Amino acid sequence: MMRLERGTSRLYGLMLVPAVVVLLADQLTKLWAVSALSGGERVAVIPPLIHFRLLYNAGAAFSIGTGATWVFTLVAAVAVFGILYIARRLASPGWALVLGVLLGGAVSHLGDRLFREPGFARGHVVDFIDYGPFVGNVADIALACGGVAIVLLSLRGVPLAKVPGGKSA
């Protein structure tokens, strides 16, 4: 059983809120995209910057590694468990929010990899937000924003976790 250090349970709960929001937003918008968009058709949203276009991505960003979908499934699973492990000692609300956003995106992508076609642990991620050379989804946006926020929190010296003994690291 996972044990939270004293005073950390509130931050752990705070982390779960954006995780659930990102997960639900991503999966609901993907459900909409699969039902409303046909493959390849571009629908202008904010021309010429943003269109909707349904794609199924077997690879990582920019469709890199399309033959190694199982690797991305494993990476997503490790990311989810790593975030949950690190979050046991959260030291700040900022890190709780950032890890929550990352957790939501990682869980959503893991769900796609595990349960979408063509099969278990080989599933393709639904991408539908077309912004120029990139096509992504809500989870991708959350992961990118979370990455930027990690850099900002790190540059500001905000401690991520408490080390045993109560000090922040």
N, C-alpha and C. Protein backbone atom coordinates (compact mmCIF):
# COMPACT_ATOMS: atom_id res chain seq x y z
N MET A 1 0.84 -1.18 0.00
CA MET A 1 0.00 0.00 0.00
C MET A 1 0.89 1.25 0.00
N MET A 2 0.48 2.25 -0.78
CA MET A 2 1.26 3.47 -0.86
C MET A 2 1.03 4.29 0.41
N ARG A 3 2.10 4.76 1.00
CA ARG A 3 2.01 5.53 2.24
C ARG A 3 2.40 6.97 1.93
N LEU A 4 1.50 7.90 2.28
CA LEU A 4 1.79 9.32 2.10
C LEU A 4 2.36 9.88 3.38
N GLU A 5 3.36 10.73 3.25
CA GLU A 5 3.92 11.37 4.43
C GLU A 5 2.92 12.39 4.95
N ARG A 6 3.02 12.68 6.23
CA ARG A 6 2.11 13.61 6.88
C ARG A 6 2.11 14.97 6.17
N GLY A 7 0.93 15.52 5.93
CA GLY A 7 0.82 16.82 5.28
C GLY A 7 0.86 16.75 3.77
N THR A 8 1.16 15.59 3.22
CA THR A 8 1.27 15.45 1.78
C THR A 8 -0.04 15.01 1.14
N SER A 9 -0.94 14.42 1.93
CA SER A 9 -2.17 13.89 1.36
C SER A 9 -3.01 14.99 0.70
N ARG A 10 -2.99 16.20 1.25
CA ARG A 10 -3.72 17.31 0.64
C ARG A 10 -3.14 17.64 -0.74
N LEU A 11 -1.81 17.66 -0.85
CA LEU A 11 -1.17 17.94 -2.13
C LEU A 11 -1.39 16.80 -3.12
N TYR A 12 -1.41 15.58 -2.62
CA TYR A 12 -1.67 14.42 -3.49
C TYR A 12 -3.08 14.53 -4.06
N GLY A 13 -4.04 14.89 -3.21
CA GLY A 13 -5.41 15.10 -3.68
C GLY A 13 -5.50 16.24 -4.67
N LEU A 14 -4.74 17.31 -4.41
CA LEU A 14 -4.70 18.44 -5.34
C LEU A 14 -4.15 18.00 -6.69
N MET A 15 -3.19 17.11 -6.68
CA MET A 15 -2.63 16.60 -7.94
C MET A 15 -3.68 15.82 -8.74
N LEU A 16 -4.54 15.10 -8.05
CA LEU A 16 -5.51 14.26 -8.75
C LEU A 16 -6.58 15.08 -9.49
N VAL A 17 -6.86 16.29 -9.04
CA VAL A 17 -7.90 17.11 -9.69
C VAL A 17 -7.54 17.43 -11.15
N PRO A 18 -6.39 18.04 -11.43
CA PRO A 18 -6.08 18.29 -12.85
C PRO A 18 -5.87 17.00 -13.63
N ALA A 19 -5.42 15.94 -12.97
CA ALA A 19 -5.25 14.67 -13.67
C ALA A 19 -6.59 14.18 -14.20
N VAL A 20 -7.61 14.23 -13.38
CA VAL A 20 -8.95 13.79 -13.80
C VAL A 20 -9.51 14.72 -14.87
N VAL A 21 -9.29 16.02 -14.70
CA VAL A 21 -9.80 16.99 -15.69
C VAL A 21 -9.16 16.74 -17.06
N VAL A 22 -7.84 16.59 -17.09
CA VAL A 22 -7.14 16.34 -18.36
C VAL A 22 -7.59 15.02 -18.97
N LEU A 23 -7.65 13.97 -18.15
CA LEU A 23 -8.08 12.66 -18.65
C LEU A 23 -9.47 12.72 -19.27
N LEU A 24 -10.42 13.30 -18.56
CA LEU A 24 -11.79 13.39 -19.07
C LEU A 24 -11.87 14.28 -20.31
N ALA A 25 -11.21 15.44 -20.27
CA ALA A 25 -11.24 16.34 -21.44
C ALA A 25 -10.65 15.66 -22.66
N ASP A 26 -9.54 14.96 -22.48
CA ASP A 26 -8.89 14.30 -23.61
C ASP A 26 -9.76 13.17 -24.15
N GLN A 27 -10.25 12.31 -23.29
CA GLN A 27 -11.04 11.17 -23.78
C GLN A 27 -12.38 11.61 -24.36
N LEU A 28 -13.02 12.61 -23.78
CA LEU A 28 -14.30 13.08 -24.32
C LEU A 28 -14.11 13.76 -25.68
N THR A 29 -13.03 14.55 -25.83
CA THR A 29 -12.80 15.19 -27.13
C THR A 29 -12.40 14.16 -28.18
N LYS A 30 -11.69 13.12 -27.78
CA LYS A 30 -11.35 12.04 -28.72
C LYS A 30 -12.60 11.28 -29.14
N LEU A 31 -13.50 11.05 -28.19
CA LEU A 31 -14.78 10.39 -28.51
C LEU A 31 -15.54 11.23 -29.53
N TRP A 32 -15.58 12.55 -29.31
CA TRP A 32 -16.23 13.44 -30.26
C TRP A 32 -15.54 13.36 -31.63
N ALA A 33 -14.21 13.44 -31.64
CA ALA A 33 -13.47 13.46 -32.90
C ALA A 33 -13.72 12.19 -33.70
N VAL A 34 -13.71 11.04 -33.04
CA VAL A 34 -13.92 9.77 -33.75
C VAL A 34 -15.32 9.71 -34.32
N SER A 35 -16.30 10.27 -33.62
CA SER A 35 -17.68 10.21 -34.11
C SER A 35 -18.02 11.30 -35.13
N ALA A 36 -17.33 12.43 -35.07
CA ALA A 36 -17.71 13.57 -35.91
C ALA A 36 -16.81 13.82 -37.11
N LEU A 37 -15.58 13.33 -37.07
CA LEU A 37 -14.64 13.62 -38.14
C LEU A 37 -14.38 12.37 -38.97
N SER A 38 -14.24 12.56 -40.25
CA SER A 38 -13.86 11.43 -41.09
C SER A 38 -12.36 11.52 -41.38
N GLY A 39 -11.76 10.37 -41.59
CA GLY A 39 -10.31 10.31 -41.78
C GLY A 39 -9.81 11.23 -42.88
N GLY A 40 -8.85 12.07 -42.54
CA GLY A 40 -8.19 12.91 -43.53
C GLY A 40 -8.86 14.24 -43.81
N GLU A 41 -10.15 14.37 -43.58
CA GLU A 41 -10.85 15.62 -43.86
C GLU A 41 -10.41 16.70 -42.88
N ARG A 42 -10.08 17.89 -43.39
CA ARG A 42 -9.69 19.02 -42.54
C ARG A 42 -10.87 19.97 -42.39
N VAL A 43 -11.19 20.28 -41.14
CA VAL A 43 -12.28 21.21 -40.83
C VAL A 43 -11.65 22.44 -40.20
N ALA A 44 -11.86 23.59 -40.84
CA ALA A 44 -11.26 24.83 -40.34
C ALA A 44 -11.90 25.24 -39.02
N VAL A 45 -11.06 25.59 -38.05
CA VAL A 45 -11.52 26.08 -36.76
C VAL A 45 -11.10 27.55 -36.63
N ILE A 46 -9.82 27.82 -36.74
CA ILE A 46 -9.28 29.18 -36.79
C ILE A 46 -8.31 29.20 -37.96
N PRO A 47 -8.87 29.37 -39.18
CA PRO A 47 -8.00 29.31 -40.35
C PRO A 47 -7.02 30.47 -40.36
N PRO A 48 -5.84 30.29 -40.81
CA PRO A 48 -5.20 29.05 -41.26
C PRO A 48 -4.45 28.34 -40.15
N LEU A 49 -4.65 28.76 -38.89
CA LEU A 49 -3.84 28.23 -37.79
C LEU A 49 -4.27 26.86 -37.27
N ILE A 50 -5.57 26.68 -37.06
CA ILE A 50 -6.04 25.44 -36.42
C ILE A 50 -7.18 24.83 -37.23
N HIS A 51 -7.04 23.52 -37.45
CA HIS A 51 -8.07 22.72 -38.11
C HIS A 51 -8.30 21.47 -37.28
N PHE A 52 -9.40 20.80 -37.53
CA PHE A 52 -9.61 19.47 -36.97
C PHE A 52 -9.40 18.47 -38.10
N ARG A 53 -8.65 17.41 -37.81
CA ARG A 53 -8.38 16.35 -38.79
C ARG A 53 -8.08 15.08 -38.02
N LEU A 54 -8.87 14.05 -38.25
CA LEU A 54 -8.74 12.81 -37.50
C LEU A 54 -7.60 11.95 -38.02
N LEU A 55 -6.69 11.59 -37.10
CA LEU A 55 -5.58 10.69 -37.41
C LEU A 55 -5.43 9.70 -36.26
N TYR A 56 -4.91 8.53 -36.58
CA TYR A 56 -4.59 7.55 -35.55
C TYR A 56 -3.08 7.38 -35.56
N ASN A 57 -2.44 7.70 -34.42
CA ASN A 57 -0.99 7.75 -34.35
C ASN A 57 -0.45 6.52 -33.61
N ALA A 58 0.27 5.68 -34.33
CA ALA A 58 0.87 4.49 -33.74
C ALA A 58 2.19 4.81 -33.06
N GLY A 59 2.75 5.97 -33.35
CA GLY A 59 4.07 6.32 -32.83
C GLY A 59 4.01 7.36 -31.74
N ALA A 60 5.14 8.03 -31.56
CA ALA A 60 5.25 9.12 -30.59
C ALA A 60 5.01 10.44 -31.33
N ALA A 61 5.51 11.52 -30.77
CA ALA A 61 5.38 12.82 -31.42
C ALA A 61 5.92 12.75 -32.84
N PHE A 62 5.24 13.42 -33.74
CA PHE A 62 5.61 13.47 -35.15
C PHE A 62 5.60 12.08 -35.80
N SER A 63 4.83 11.15 -35.21
CA SER A 63 4.70 9.77 -35.71
C SER A 63 6.03 9.03 -35.74
N ILE A 64 6.95 9.41 -34.88
CA ILE A 64 8.23 8.72 -34.78
C ILE A 64 8.01 7.36 -34.12
N GLY A 65 8.62 6.34 -34.64
CA GLY A 65 8.58 5.02 -34.02
C GLY A 65 7.27 4.27 -34.19
N THR A 66 6.64 4.40 -35.34
CA THR A 66 5.34 3.77 -35.53
C THR A 66 5.40 2.25 -35.43
N GLY A 67 6.55 1.65 -35.58
CA GLY A 67 6.66 0.20 -35.46
C GLY A 67 6.94 -0.27 -34.04
N ALA A 68 7.05 0.66 -33.10
CA ALA A 68 7.40 0.29 -31.72
C ALA A 68 6.33 0.76 -30.74
N THR A 69 5.07 0.58 -31.09
CA THR A 69 3.97 1.04 -30.25
C THR A 69 4.06 0.48 -28.84
N TRP A 70 4.47 -0.77 -28.70
CA TRP A 70 4.56 -1.39 -27.38
C TRP A 70 5.56 -0.66 -26.48
N VAL A 71 6.60 -0.06 -27.09
CA VAL A 71 7.58 0.70 -26.31
C VAL A 71 6.91 1.93 -25.69
N PHE A 72 6.06 2.61 -26.47
CA PHE A 72 5.38 3.79 -25.96
C PHE A 72 4.36 3.42 -24.89
N THR A 73 3.78 2.24 -25.00
CA THR A 73 2.88 1.74 -23.96
C THR A 73 3.66 1.58 -22.66
N LEU A 74 4.82 0.99 -22.75
CA LEU A 74 5.67 0.77 -21.58
C LEU A 74 6.13 2.11 -20.99
N VAL A 75 6.54 3.03 -21.83
CA VAL A 75 6.99 4.35 -21.37
C VAL A 75 5.84 5.08 -20.66
N ALA A 76 4.64 5.03 -21.21
CA ALA A 76 3.49 5.69 -20.57
C ALA A 76 3.20 5.06 -19.21
N ALA A 77 3.28 3.73 -19.12
CA ALA A 77 3.04 3.06 -17.85
C ALA A 77 4.08 3.45 -16.81
N VAL A 78 5.35 3.49 -17.21
CA VAL A 78 6.42 3.90 -16.30
C VAL A 78 6.21 5.35 -15.85
N ALA A 79 5.80 6.21 -16.76
CA ALA A 79 5.55 7.62 -16.41
C ALA A 79 4.43 7.73 -15.38
N VAL A 80 3.35 7.00 -15.59
CA VAL A 80 2.22 7.04 -14.65
C VAL A 80 2.67 6.59 -13.26
N PHE A 81 3.33 5.44 -13.19
CA PHE A 81 3.76 4.93 -11.89
C PHE A 81 4.85 5.80 -11.27
N GLY A 82 5.72 6.36 -12.09
CA GLY A 82 6.75 7.27 -11.58
C GLY A 82 6.14 8.52 -10.96
N ILE A 83 5.16 9.11 -11.63
CA ILE A 83 4.50 10.30 -11.09
C ILE A 83 3.80 9.96 -9.78
N LEU A 84 3.08 8.85 -9.75
CA LEU A 84 2.38 8.46 -8.52
C LEU A 84 3.37 8.21 -7.38
N TYR A 85 4.53 7.65 -7.69
CA TYR A 85 5.54 7.38 -6.66
C TYR A 85 6.15 8.69 -6.13
N ILE A 86 6.55 9.56 -7.04
CA ILE A 86 7.17 10.83 -6.65
C ILE A 86 6.19 11.69 -5.86
N ALA A 87 4.93 11.64 -6.24
CA ALA A 87 3.91 12.50 -5.62
C ALA A 87 3.64 12.15 -4.17
N ARG A 88 4.15 11.04 -3.69
CA ARG A 88 3.95 10.68 -2.29
C ARG A 88 4.62 11.66 -1.34
N ARG A 89 5.57 12.43 -1.85
CA ARG A 89 6.31 13.36 -1.00
C ARG A 89 6.24 14.80 -1.53
N LEU A 90 5.18 15.16 -2.19
CA LEU A 90 5.06 16.50 -2.76
C LEU A 90 5.29 17.59 -1.72
N ALA A 91 5.98 18.64 -2.16
CA ALA A 91 6.31 19.74 -1.25
C ALA A 91 5.60 21.05 -1.60
N SER A 92 4.95 21.14 -2.76
CA SER A 92 4.34 22.42 -3.12
C SER A 92 3.10 22.22 -3.98
N PRO A 93 2.15 23.16 -3.87
CA PRO A 93 0.95 23.09 -4.71
C PRO A 93 1.28 23.22 -6.20
N GLY A 94 2.29 24.01 -6.53
CA GLY A 94 2.68 24.16 -7.94
C GLY A 94 3.08 22.84 -8.56
N TRP A 95 3.91 22.09 -7.85
CA TRP A 95 4.31 20.78 -8.35
C TRP A 95 3.13 19.82 -8.38
N ALA A 96 2.22 19.93 -7.42
CA ALA A 96 1.04 19.06 -7.42
C ALA A 96 0.23 19.29 -8.69
N LEU A 97 0.02 20.54 -9.05
CA LEU A 97 -0.75 20.84 -10.26
C LEU A 97 -0.04 20.37 -11.52
N VAL A 98 1.26 20.62 -11.60
CA VAL A 98 2.03 20.22 -12.78
C VAL A 98 2.04 18.70 -12.92
N LEU A 99 2.32 18.00 -11.84
CA LEU A 99 2.31 16.53 -11.92
C LEU A 99 0.93 15.99 -12.24
N GLY A 100 -0.11 16.68 -11.77
CA GLY A 100 -1.48 16.28 -12.10
C GLY A 100 -1.76 16.39 -13.59
N VAL A 101 -1.33 17.49 -14.19
CA VAL A 101 -1.51 17.67 -15.63
C VAL A 101 -0.76 16.58 -16.41
N LEU A 102 0.49 16.33 -15.99
CA LEU A 102 1.28 15.28 -16.65
C LEU A 102 0.66 13.90 -16.45
N LEU A 103 0.17 13.64 -15.24
CA LEU A 103 -0.46 12.35 -14.95
C LEU A 103 -1.70 12.15 -15.81
N GLY A 104 -2.53 13.17 -15.94
CA GLY A 104 -3.73 13.05 -16.77
C GLY A 104 -3.39 12.75 -18.22
N GLY A 105 -2.41 13.44 -18.76
CA GLY A 105 -1.99 13.18 -20.15
C GLY A 105 -1.41 11.80 -20.32
N ALA A 106 -0.58 11.38 -19.38
CA ALA A 106 0.05 10.06 -19.47
C ALA A 106 -0.97 8.94 -19.33
N VAL A 107 -1.91 9.08 -18.40
CA VAL A 107 -2.95 8.06 -18.22
C VAL A 107 -3.82 7.96 -19.46
N SER A 108 -4.15 9.10 -20.05
CA SER A 108 -4.99 9.08 -21.25
C SER A 108 -4.28 8.40 -22.41
N HIS A 109 -3.01 8.72 -22.61
CA HIS A 109 -2.25 8.06 -23.68
C HIS A 109 -2.08 6.57 -23.39
N LEU A 110 -1.85 6.22 -22.13
CA LEU A 110 -1.73 4.81 -21.77
C LEU A 110 -3.03 4.08 -22.07
N GLY A 111 -4.15 4.70 -21.76
CA GLY A 111 -5.44 4.09 -22.08
C GLY A 111 -5.62 3.86 -23.57
N ASP A 112 -5.22 4.83 -24.37
CA ASP A 112 -5.29 4.65 -25.83
C ASP A 112 -4.42 3.48 -26.26
N ARG A 113 -3.21 3.42 -25.74
CA ARG A 113 -2.28 2.35 -26.13
C ARG A 113 -2.79 0.98 -25.72
N LEU A 114 -3.44 0.92 -24.57
CA LEU A 114 -3.91 -0.38 -24.08
C LEU A 114 -5.21 -0.84 -24.72
N PHE A 115 -6.13 0.08 -24.99
CA PHE A 115 -7.49 -0.34 -25.33
C PHE A 115 -7.98 0.03 -26.72
N ARG A 116 -7.25 0.80 -27.48
CA ARG A 116 -7.70 1.14 -28.84
C ARG A 116 -7.15 0.14 -29.85
N GLU A 117 -7.73 0.18 -31.04
CA GLU A 117 -7.28 -0.66 -32.14
C GLU A 117 -5.84 -0.29 -32.49
N PRO A 118 -5.02 -1.21 -32.92
CA PRO A 118 -5.34 -2.55 -33.40
C PRO A 118 -5.33 -3.64 -32.34
N GLY A 119 -4.98 -3.31 -31.07
CA GLY A 119 -5.02 -4.35 -30.05
C GLY A 119 -4.32 -3.93 -28.78
N PHE A 120 -4.44 -4.76 -27.76
CA PHE A 120 -3.91 -4.48 -26.43
C PHE A 120 -2.41 -4.18 -26.49
N ALA A 121 -2.03 -3.06 -25.88
CA ALA A 121 -0.65 -2.57 -25.80
C ALA A 121 -0.08 -2.16 -27.15
N ARG A 122 -0.90 -2.15 -28.19
CA ARG A 122 -0.47 -1.73 -29.53
C ARG A 122 -1.41 -0.67 -30.10
N GLY A 123 -2.30 -0.14 -29.25
CA GLY A 123 -3.31 0.80 -29.71
C GLY A 123 -2.74 2.11 -30.21
N HIS A 124 -3.49 2.73 -31.08
CA HIS A 124 -3.08 4.00 -31.67
C HIS A 124 -3.77 5.15 -30.92
N VAL A 125 -3.03 6.24 -30.73
CA VAL A 125 -3.56 7.43 -30.07
C VAL A 125 -4.36 8.23 -31.09
N VAL A 126 -5.53 8.72 -30.65
CA VAL A 126 -6.37 9.55 -31.51
C VAL A 126 -5.84 10.98 -31.48
N ASP A 127 -5.46 11.49 -32.63
CA ASP A 127 -5.03 12.88 -32.79
C ASP A 127 -6.03 13.58 -33.69
N PHE A 128 -6.35 14.83 -33.38
CA PHE A 128 -7.34 15.52 -34.21
C PHE A 128 -7.18 17.04 -34.25
N ILE A 129 -6.31 17.61 -33.44
CA ILE A 129 -6.11 19.06 -33.47
C ILE A 129 -4.90 19.33 -34.36
N ASP A 130 -5.16 19.89 -35.52
CA ASP A 130 -4.14 20.11 -36.55
C ASP A 130 -3.71 21.57 -36.49
N TYR A 131 -2.47 21.81 -36.03
CA TYR A 131 -1.94 23.16 -35.98
C TYR A 131 -0.64 23.21 -36.76
N GLY A 132 -0.82 23.33 -38.07
CA GLY A 132 0.32 23.45 -38.97
C GLY A 132 1.01 22.11 -39.17
N PRO A 133 2.27 22.03 -38.82
CA PRO A 133 2.99 20.78 -39.06
C PRO A 133 2.67 19.69 -38.03
N PHE A 134 1.91 20.01 -36.99
CA PHE A 134 1.62 19.06 -35.93
C PHE A 134 0.14 18.73 -35.86
N VAL A 135 -0.16 17.50 -35.49
CA VAL A 135 -1.53 17.09 -35.20
C VAL A 135 -1.48 16.39 -33.85
N GLY A 136 -2.30 16.83 -32.92
CA GLY A 136 -2.25 16.27 -31.58
C GLY A 136 -3.62 16.18 -30.95
N ASN A 137 -3.64 16.23 -29.63
CA ASN A 137 -4.88 16.11 -28.88
C ASN A 137 -4.73 16.88 -27.56
N VAL A 138 -5.75 16.84 -26.73
CA VAL A 138 -5.73 17.58 -25.47
C VAL A 138 -4.61 17.08 -24.56
N ALA A 139 -4.39 15.76 -24.51
CA ALA A 139 -3.31 15.21 -23.67
C ALA A 139 -1.95 15.72 -24.12
N ASP A 140 -1.74 15.82 -25.43
CA ASP A 140 -0.47 16.34 -25.94
C ASP A 140 -0.24 17.77 -25.48
N ILE A 141 -1.29 18.57 -25.53
CA ILE A 141 -1.19 19.97 -25.09
C ILE A 141 -0.87 20.01 -23.60
N ALA A 142 -1.55 19.16 -22.82
CA ALA A 142 -1.30 19.11 -21.37
C ALA A 142 0.14 18.69 -21.08
N LEU A 143 0.63 17.68 -21.80
CA LEU A 143 2.00 17.22 -21.59
C LEU A 143 3.02 18.30 -21.95
N ALA A 144 2.79 19.01 -23.05
CA ALA A 144 3.70 20.08 -23.45
C ALA A 144 3.69 21.21 -22.42
N CYS A 145 2.50 21.62 -21.99
CA CYS A 145 2.41 22.69 -20.98
C CYS A 145 3.02 22.23 -19.66
N GLY A 146 2.82 20.97 -19.30
CA GLY A 146 3.43 20.43 -18.09
C GLY A 146 4.94 20.45 -18.16
N GLY A 147 5.49 20.14 -19.33
CA GLY A 147 6.94 20.18 -19.52
C GLY A 147 7.49 21.58 -19.34
N VAL A 148 6.80 22.57 -19.90
CA VAL A 148 7.22 23.96 -19.73
C VAL A 148 7.12 24.36 -18.26
N ALA A 149 6.06 23.95 -17.59
CA ALA A 149 5.89 24.30 -16.18
C ALA A 149 6.97 23.67 -15.30
N ILE A 150 7.42 22.46 -15.65
CA ILE A 150 8.52 21.83 -14.91
C ILE A 150 9.77 22.69 -15.00
N VAL A 151 10.06 23.17 -16.19
CA VAL A 151 11.23 24.03 -16.37
C VAL A 151 11.09 25.30 -15.53
N LEU A 152 9.92 25.92 -15.57
CA LEU A 152 9.71 27.16 -14.82
C LEU A 152 9.82 26.93 -13.31
N LEU A 153 9.20 25.88 -12.80
CA LEU A 153 9.29 25.59 -11.36
C LEU A 153 10.74 25.29 -10.96
N SER A 154 11.44 24.58 -11.81
CA SER A 154 12.84 24.25 -11.53
C SER A 154 13.71 25.50 -11.53
N LEU A 155 13.50 26.38 -12.51
CA LEU A 155 14.27 27.62 -12.57
C LEU A 155 14.00 28.52 -11.37
N ARG A 156 12.78 28.48 -10.87
CA ARG A 156 12.42 29.29 -9.70
C ARG A 156 12.89 28.65 -8.40
N GLY A 157 13.38 27.42 -8.47
CA GLY A 157 13.88 26.75 -7.28
C GLY A 157 12.80 26.20 -6.36
N VAL A 158 11.60 25.98 -6.90
CA VAL A 158 10.50 25.44 -6.09
C VAL A 158 10.78 23.97 -5.83
N PRO A 159 10.81 23.56 -4.57
CA PRO A 159 11.13 22.16 -4.26
C PRO A 159 10.00 21.22 -4.69
N LEU A 160 10.39 20.10 -5.28
CA LEU A 160 9.43 19.10 -5.74
C LEU A 160 8.92 18.26 -4.59
N ALA A 161 9.82 17.72 -3.81
CA ALA A 161 9.43 16.73 -2.81
C ALA A 161 10.13 16.98 -1.48
N LYS A 162 9.52 16.45 -0.45
CA LYS A 162 10.13 16.46 0.87
C LYS A 162 11.03 15.24 0.98
N VAL A 163 12.21 15.46 1.52
CA VAL A 163 13.11 14.33 1.77
C VAL A 163 12.78 13.80 3.16
N PRO A 164 13.10 12.54 3.41
CA PRO A 164 12.82 12.00 4.75
C PRO A 164 13.42 12.90 5.83
N GLY A 165 12.63 13.18 6.82
CA GLY A 165 13.07 14.10 7.87
C GLY A 165 12.35 15.44 7.80
N GLY A 166 11.55 15.64 6.73
CA GLY A 166 10.71 16.83 6.65
C GLY A 166 11.23 17.97 5.83
N LYS A 167 12.49 17.92 5.37
CA LYS A 167 13.02 19.02 4.56
C LYS A 167 12.56 18.87 3.11
N SER A 168 12.52 19.99 2.38
CA SER A 168 12.13 19.96 0.97
C SER A 168 13.36 19.84 0.11
N ALA A 169 13.21 19.06 -0.98
CA ALA A 169 14.33 18.88 -1.91
C ALA A 169 13.98 19.42 -3.27
